[in-house]
């Protein structure tokens, strides 16, 4: 559990968010906190950037005791609980820097410890958000803007610019909501789903309103987007089996179009089968994999049709050339 040092208890706001652990949505506490130090009483401290900790699954708890001990506890938490983030360059650099901080009870020394702890907490939270966004939306290959946004997040995780990671996380999560709203609307329009459609329609309308209202992604908007995404998935929960049946049918169609030259289609089929066979996949996971698979099938079918036309035209040309070489009466006929 990552600890933030608090000036007083009233500064702590604990929110219970839903987050996706693998494919399962579970609840975990999130604290938005301000950082300061206690050195014989409250002193002015650095305020953490709240925008960095919104909608994160990293637990931030109220710290007590020696500031350096709290910093060491947080370093231990990085290794014990968030080791899967430790290989990202942006995390490794901050961890290496923080490990060089020495214990001190001077005002300046305590401020250095405080700043180090803030940097550590912020980078872990931003990295966790980036990890989640990439994991959740990778596979939406039909959405070029989202794919590009996820690539930026991945690059940021392996870079050194925390501000860029925070900004690109916001862009990606908002585009993710937009992609899922489209999937939900397509489900409504398809007429294949009948369960809870009023609720789904209302949730999509509300989600579109949230999407429009968060264009600037101001502080607090990350939470709003996250909440809209969770409500959307909750509303679609009952459609899972229908979506799975639809996905399985599309997998069969895709396999009939598969050959050694269709690497992208093969990859999409593998992803779709993984989603279909994963008991924790929800309806939107199914719909996303289905849309990606349909897009690849369409590409293969278009290419096959084009190749067939080209082959047919080439055959006609070759036949005419053969006539010109062997039928010496043809030129007279043409004249």
Protein backbone atom coordinates (compact mmCIF):
# COMPACT_ATOMS: atom_id res chain seq x y z
CA UNK A 1 0.00 0.00 0.00
CA UNK A 2 1.51 3.34 -1.03
CA UNK A 3 1.44 5.93 1.71
CA UNK A 4 1.06 9.67 1.38
CA UNK A 5 1.96 11.98 4.26
CA UNK A 6 -0.97 14.13 5.32
CA UNK A 7 -1.14 17.48 7.07
CA UNK A 8 -4.48 16.53 8.60
CA UNK A 9 -7.13 13.90 8.19
CA UNK A 10 -9.60 16.27 6.59
CA UNK A 11 -7.43 16.47 3.49
CA UNK A 12 -8.03 12.81 2.66
CA UNK A 13 -10.88 11.95 0.29
CA UNK A 14 -11.38 8.24 -0.14
CA UNK A 15 -13.24 7.10 -3.24
CA UNK A 16 -14.16 3.52 -4.03
CA UNK A 17 -13.49 2.93 -7.70
CA UNK A 18 -14.03 -0.06 -9.90
CA UNK A 19 -10.98 -1.17 -11.78
CA UNK A 20 -10.16 -4.05 -14.05
CA UNK A 21 -7.90 -6.72 -12.60
CA UNK A 22 -7.05 -8.75 -15.67
CA UNK A 23 -10.57 -8.97 -17.01
CA UNK A 24 -12.46 -8.74 -13.71
CA UNK A 25 -13.94 -5.54 -12.37
CA UNK A 26 -13.35 -5.27 -8.63
CA UNK A 27 -13.47 -2.56 -5.98
CA UNK A 28 -10.50 -0.92 -4.34
CA UNK A 29 -10.09 2.24 -2.28
CA UNK A 30 -8.45 5.31 -3.76
CA UNK A 31 -7.29 8.31 -1.76
CA UNK A 32 -6.68 11.72 -3.27
CA UNK A 33 -4.19 13.33 -1.01
CA UNK A 34 -2.11 16.42 -0.26
CA UNK A 35 1.44 15.99 0.95
CA UNK A 36 3.10 17.84 3.83
CA UNK A 37 5.47 17.11 6.68
CA UNK A 38 5.23 16.87 10.41
CA UNK A 39 8.33 18.24 12.13
CA UNK A 40 7.17 19.09 15.62
CA UNK A 41 3.95 20.31 14.04
CA UNK A 42 2.57 21.10 10.55
CA UNK A 43 4.88 22.91 8.16
CA UNK A 44 4.32 24.08 4.61
CA UNK A 45 4.71 21.21 2.18
CA UNK A 46 4.44 20.38 -1.48
CA UNK A 47 0.94 19.63 -2.73
CA UNK A 48 0.69 16.51 -4.84
CA UNK A 49 -0.70 16.87 -8.34
CA UNK A 50 -4.18 15.45 -7.81
CA UNK A 51 -4.64 14.98 -11.56
CA UNK A 52 -1.98 12.27 -11.39
CA UNK A 53 -3.84 10.14 -8.89
CA UNK A 54 -7.36 10.20 -10.30
CA UNK A 55 -9.01 6.90 -11.10
CA UNK A 56 -5.99 4.85 -10.14
CA UNK A 57 -6.11 1.45 -8.58
CA UNK A 58 -3.01 2.18 -6.50
CA UNK A 59 -4.00 2.37 -2.87
CA UNK A 60 -2.81 5.53 -1.14
CA UNK A 61 -3.13 5.47 2.62
CA UNK A 62 -2.55 7.96 5.37
CA UNK A 63 1.08 7.85 6.47
CA UNK A 64 2.30 8.20 10.02
CA UNK A 65 5.71 8.16 11.63
CA UNK A 66 9.10 9.08 10.21
CA UNK A 67 9.02 10.48 6.69
CA UNK A 68 12.04 8.47 5.59
CA UNK A 69 10.47 5.24 6.91
CA UNK A 70 7.33 5.99 4.90
CA UNK A 71 9.44 6.51 1.79
CA UNK A 72 11.14 3.15 2.36
CA UNK A 73 7.75 1.49 2.87
CA UNK A 74 6.65 2.85 -0.48
CA UNK A 75 9.79 1.55 -2.17
CA UNK A 76 9.06 -1.86 -0.68
CA UNK A 77 5.47 -1.62 -1.99
CA UNK A 78 6.81 -0.97 -5.50
CA UNK A 79 8.77 -4.22 -5.33
CA UNK A 80 6.14 -6.29 -3.55
CA UNK A 81 2.85 -5.09 -5.06
CA UNK A 82 3.72 -3.26 -8.26
CA UNK A 83 6.70 -5.22 -9.51
CA UNK A 84 5.04 -5.60 -12.93
CA UNK A 85 5.54 -1.84 -13.35
CA UNK A 86 9.18 -1.85 -12.27
CA UNK A 87 10.54 -2.64 -15.74
CA UNK A 88 9.10 0.52 -17.25
CA UNK A 89 11.83 3.08 -17.79
CA UNK A 90 9.79 5.89 -16.27
CA UNK A 91 9.42 3.89 -13.04
CA UNK A 92 13.01 2.62 -12.95
CA UNK A 93 14.41 6.13 -13.25
CA UNK A 94 12.34 7.52 -10.37
CA UNK A 95 12.99 4.50 -8.16
CA UNK A 96 16.74 4.82 -8.75
CA UNK A 97 16.59 8.51 -7.89
CA UNK A 98 14.53 7.94 -4.75
CA UNK A 99 16.87 5.24 -3.49
CA UNK A 100 19.62 7.84 -3.35
CA UNK A 101 17.68 9.95 -0.83
CA UNK A 102 19.30 9.85 2.61
CA UNK A 103 17.59 10.05 6.02
CA UNK A 104 17.59 13.55 7.48
CA UNK A 105 15.77 15.48 10.17
CA UNK A 106 16.67 18.94 8.92
CA UNK A 107 13.93 21.03 7.35
CA UNK A 108 15.61 20.87 3.93
CA UNK A 109 16.28 17.15 4.28
CA UNK A 110 12.66 16.43 5.20
CA UNK A 111 11.47 18.45 2.23
CA UNK A 112 13.73 16.39 -0.05
CA UNK A 113 12.28 13.18 1.38
CA UNK A 114 8.78 14.57 0.95
CA UNK A 115 9.42 15.49 -2.68
CA UNK A 116 10.92 12.06 -3.36
CA UNK A 117 7.88 10.34 -1.92
CA UNK A 118 5.55 12.49 -4.01
CA UNK A 119 7.51 11.68 -7.18
CA UNK A 120 7.43 7.98 -6.39
CA UNK A 121 3.70 7.88 -5.68
CA UNK A 122 2.83 9.93 -8.76
CA UNK A 123 4.94 7.87 -11.14
CA UNK A 124 3.56 4.58 -9.83
CA UNK A 125 -0.01 5.81 -10.17
CA UNK A 126 0.54 7.20 -13.66
CA UNK A 127 2.29 4.00 -14.72
CA UNK A 128 -0.53 1.89 -13.29
CA UNK A 129 -3.11 3.93 -15.20
CA UNK A 130 -1.08 3.57 -18.39
CA UNK A 131 -0.68 -0.16 -17.87
CA UNK A 132 -4.43 -0.55 -17.38
CA UNK A 133 -5.40 1.55 -20.40
CA UNK A 134 -3.06 -0.34 -22.73
CA UNK A 135 -4.17 -3.71 -21.37
CA UNK A 136 -7.87 -2.90 -21.61
CA UNK A 137 -8.02 -1.41 -25.09
CA UNK A 138 -5.27 -3.20 -27.02
CA UNK A 139 -7.01 -5.16 -29.76
CA UNK A 140 -9.33 -2.33 -30.86
CA UNK A 141 -7.46 -2.38 -34.16
CA UNK A 142 -10.38 -0.88 -36.06
CA UNK A 143 -9.95 2.41 -34.14
CA UNK A 144 -6.86 4.12 -35.55
CA UNK A 145 -6.94 7.07 -33.13
CA UNK A 146 -7.14 4.80 -30.08
CA UNK A 147 -4.38 2.55 -31.42
CA UNK A 148 -2.16 5.60 -31.89
CA UNK A 149 -2.98 6.86 -28.39
CA UNK A 150 -2.09 3.50 -26.86
CA UNK A 151 1.22 3.55 -28.74
CA UNK A 152 1.98 6.93 -27.17
CA UNK A 153 1.18 5.64 -23.69
CA UNK A 154 3.46 2.66 -24.27
CA UNK A 155 6.23 4.97 -25.44
CA UNK A 156 5.71 7.19 -22.39
CA UNK A 157 5.99 4.21 -20.05
CA UNK A 158 9.36 3.52 -21.59
CA UNK A 159 10.40 7.17 -21.51
CA UNK A 160 11.13 9.78 -18.87
CA UNK A 161 8.37 12.40 -19.20
CA UNK A 162 5.76 11.95 -16.45
CA UNK A 163 3.64 14.88 -17.66
CA UNK A 164 3.43 13.32 -21.12
CA UNK A 165 2.35 9.99 -19.63
CA UNK A 166 -0.39 11.63 -17.55
CA UNK A 167 -1.64 13.60 -20.57
CA UNK A 168 -1.57 10.62 -22.92
CA UNK A 169 -3.33 8.44 -20.32
CA UNK A 170 -6.17 10.95 -20.34
CA UNK A 171 -6.36 10.97 -24.13
CA UNK A 172 -6.34 7.18 -24.34
CA UNK A 173 -8.95 6.58 -21.65
CA UNK A 174 -11.28 9.10 -23.28
CA UNK A 175 -10.83 7.51 -26.70
CA UNK A 176 -11.43 4.15 -25.04
CA UNK A 177 -14.76 5.38 -23.75
CA UNK A 178 -15.61 6.65 -27.22
CA UNK A 179 -14.76 3.25 -28.73
CA UNK A 180 -16.92 1.42 -26.21
CA UNK A 181 -19.80 3.85 -26.72
CA UNK A 182 -19.63 3.07 -30.43
CA UNK A 183 -19.64 -0.67 -29.73
CA UNK A 184 -22.66 -0.26 -27.47
CA UNK A 185 -24.49 1.88 -30.04
CA UNK A 186 -23.72 -0.67 -32.77
CA UNK A 187 -25.17 -3.35 -30.49
CA UNK A 188 -28.34 -1.30 -30.11
CA UNK A 189 -28.60 -0.65 -33.84
CA UNK A 190 -27.98 -4.30 -34.78
CA UNK A 191 -31.29 -5.42 -33.30
CA UNK A 192 -29.62 -8.63 -32.10
CA UNK A 193 -29.90 -7.64 -28.47
CA UNK A 194 -33.14 -7.21 -26.56
CA UNK A 195 -32.25 -7.45 -22.88
CA UNK A 196 -32.11 -4.20 -20.85
CA UNK A 197 -32.06 -2.09 -24.00
CA UNK A 198 -33.73 0.89 -22.31
CA UNK A 199 -31.05 0.93 -19.64
CA UNK A 200 -28.29 0.50 -22.22
CA UNK A 201 -29.68 3.29 -24.38
CA UNK A 202 -29.86 5.63 -21.38
CA UNK A 203 -26.32 4.71 -20.35
CA UNK A 204 -25.01 5.34 -23.86
CA UNK A 205 -26.77 8.72 -23.94
CA UNK A 206 -25.26 9.62 -20.57
CA UNK A 207 -21.83 8.38 -21.67
CA UNK A 208 -21.97 10.49 -24.82
CA UNK A 209 -22.78 13.48 -22.64
CA UNK A 210 -19.76 12.75 -20.46
CA UNK A 211 -17.56 12.32 -23.52
CA UNK A 212 -18.67 15.71 -24.88
CA UNK A 213 -18.22 17.43 -21.51
CA UNK A 214 -14.67 16.18 -20.96
CA UNK A 215 -12.99 17.39 -24.13
CA UNK A 216 -10.39 19.35 -22.15
CA UNK A 217 -9.87 16.55 -19.57
CA UNK A 218 -9.65 19.02 -16.70
CA UNK A 219 -8.89 17.83 -13.14
CA UNK A 220 -11.69 15.50 -12.13
CA UNK A 221 -12.61 14.55 -15.70
CA UNK A 222 -10.57 11.34 -15.58
CA UNK A 223 -12.88 10.11 -12.84
CA UNK A 224 -15.95 11.13 -14.83
CA UNK A 225 -14.76 9.22 -17.90
CA UNK A 226 -13.88 6.22 -15.77
CA UNK A 227 -17.30 6.24 -14.09
CA UNK A 228 -19.07 6.46 -17.47
CA UNK A 229 -17.02 3.49 -18.73
CA UNK A 230 -17.92 1.42 -15.66
CA UNK A 231 -21.64 2.21 -15.96
CA UNK A 232 -21.53 1.26 -19.63
CA UNK A 233 -19.94 -2.10 -18.92
CA UNK A 234 -22.37 -2.72 -16.07
CA UNK A 235 -25.36 -1.96 -18.31
CA UNK A 236 -24.08 -4.39 -20.94
CA UNK A 237 -23.26 -7.17 -18.49
CA UNK A 238 -26.43 -9.12 -19.26
CA UNK A 239 -25.65 -9.27 -22.98
CA UNK A 240 -22.48 -11.29 -22.57
CA UNK A 241 -23.76 -14.64 -23.85
CA UNK A 242 -25.41 -13.13 -26.91
CA UNK A 243 -22.21 -11.22 -27.67
CA UNK A 244 -20.17 -14.39 -27.19
CA UNK A 245 -22.37 -16.33 -29.62
CA UNK A 246 -21.97 -13.54 -32.16
CA UNK A 247 -18.19 -13.55 -31.67
CA UNK A 248 -17.97 -17.34 -32.06
CA UNK A 249 -19.89 -17.14 -35.34
CA UNK A 250 -17.51 -14.46 -36.61
CA UNK A 251 -14.53 -16.64 -35.62
CA UNK A 252 -15.92 -19.42 -37.83
CA UNK A 253 -16.32 -17.01 -40.74
CA UNK A 254 -12.80 -15.68 -40.20
CA UNK A 255 -11.25 -19.14 -40.19
CA UNK A 256 -12.86 -19.89 -43.56
CA UNK A 257 -10.99 -16.88 -44.97
CA UNK A 258 -7.69 -17.74 -43.29
CA UNK A 259 -4.55 -18.87 -45.13
CA UNK A 260 -0.78 -18.49 -44.85
CA UNK A 261 -0.86 -14.95 -46.25
CA UNK A 262 -3.32 -13.54 -43.71
CA UNK A 263 -1.09 -12.88 -40.69
CA UNK A 264 -3.18 -9.98 -39.37
CA UNK A 265 -6.34 -12.06 -39.63
CA UNK A 266 -4.65 -14.94 -37.82
CA UNK A 267 -3.66 -12.59 -35.01
CA UNK A 268 -7.22 -11.24 -34.79
CA UNK A 269 -8.60 -14.79 -34.65
CA UNK A 270 -6.22 -15.69 -31.82
CA UNK A 271 -7.25 -12.59 -29.90
CA UNK A 272 -10.94 -13.31 -30.49
CA UNK A 273 -10.58 -16.90 -29.32
CA UNK A 274 -8.76 -15.76 -26.18
CA UNK A 275 -11.55 -13.30 -25.41
CA UNK A 276 -14.27 -15.86 -26.13
CA UNK A 277 -12.66 -18.51 -23.93
CA UNK A 278 -11.91 -16.14 -21.04
CA UNK A 279 -14.72 -16.47 -18.50
CA UNK A 280 -13.96 -12.99 -17.15
CA UNK A 281 -14.45 -11.27 -20.54
CA UNK A 282 -17.51 -9.04 -20.56
CA UNK A 283 -19.87 -8.04 -23.36
CA UNK A 284 -17.78 -5.10 -24.50
CA UNK A 285 -14.69 -7.30 -24.67
CA UNK A 286 -16.67 -9.64 -26.92
CA UNK A 287 -18.00 -6.82 -29.09
CA UNK A 288 -14.55 -5.26 -29.40
CA UNK A 289 -12.95 -8.53 -30.50
CA UNK A 290 -15.84 -9.13 -32.89
CA UNK A 291 -15.47 -5.69 -34.50
CA UNK A 292 -11.71 -6.15 -34.88
CA UNK A 293 -12.25 -9.56 -36.44
CA UNK A 294 -14.87 -8.27 -38.86
CA UNK A 295 -12.49 -5.52 -39.96
CA UNK A 296 -9.73 -8.04 -40.75
CA UNK A 297 -12.13 -10.41 -42.54
CA UNK A 298 -13.34 -7.51 -44.67
CA UNK A 299 -9.74 -6.64 -45.62
CA UNK A 300 -9.00 -10.23 -46.65
CA UNK A 301 -12.21 -10.53 -48.66
CA UNK A 302 -11.55 -7.25 -50.47
CA UNK A 303 -8.02 -8.35 -51.31
CA UNK A 304 -9.26 -11.72 -52.58
CA UNK A 305 -11.84 -10.01 -54.79
CA UNK A 306 -9.19 -7.65 -56.15
CA UNK A 307 -6.77 -10.50 -56.83
CA UNK A 308 -9.50 -12.46 -58.60
CA UNK A 309 -10.31 -9.49 -60.84
CA UNK A 310 -6.64 -8.95 -61.62
CA UNK A 311 -6.12 -12.62 -62.46
CA UNK A 312 -9.19 -12.62 -64.70
CA UNK A 313 -8.06 -9.52 -66.62
CA UNK A 314 -4.55 -10.94 -66.97
CA UNK A 315 -5.95 -14.17 -68.36
CA UNK A 316 -7.92 -12.30 -71.01
CA UNK A 317 -4.82 -10.32 -72.00
CA UNK A 318 -2.70 -13.45 -72.30
CA UNK A 319 -5.38 -15.17 -74.45
CA UNK A 320 -5.49 -12.23 -76.82
CA UNK A 321 -1.68 -12.18 -77.10
CA UNK A 322 -1.73 -15.89 -77.93
CA UNK A 323 -4.29 -15.29 -80.67
CA UNK A 324 -2.13 -12.53 -82.11
CA UNK A 325 0.88 -14.85 -82.22
CA UNK A 326 -0.83 -17.93 -83.70
CA UNK A 327 -3.80 -16.76 -85.72
CA UNK A 328 -2.33 -14.87 -88.66
CA UNK A 329 -5.76 -14.13 -90.03
CA UNK A 330 -6.60 -12.10 -86.90
CA UNK A 331 -5.04 -8.85 -88.09
CA UNK A 332 -7.10 -9.05 -91.25
CA UNK A 333 -10.18 -9.61 -89.20
CA UNK A 334 -9.32 -6.64 -87.02
CA UNK A 335 -8.86 -4.48 -90.12
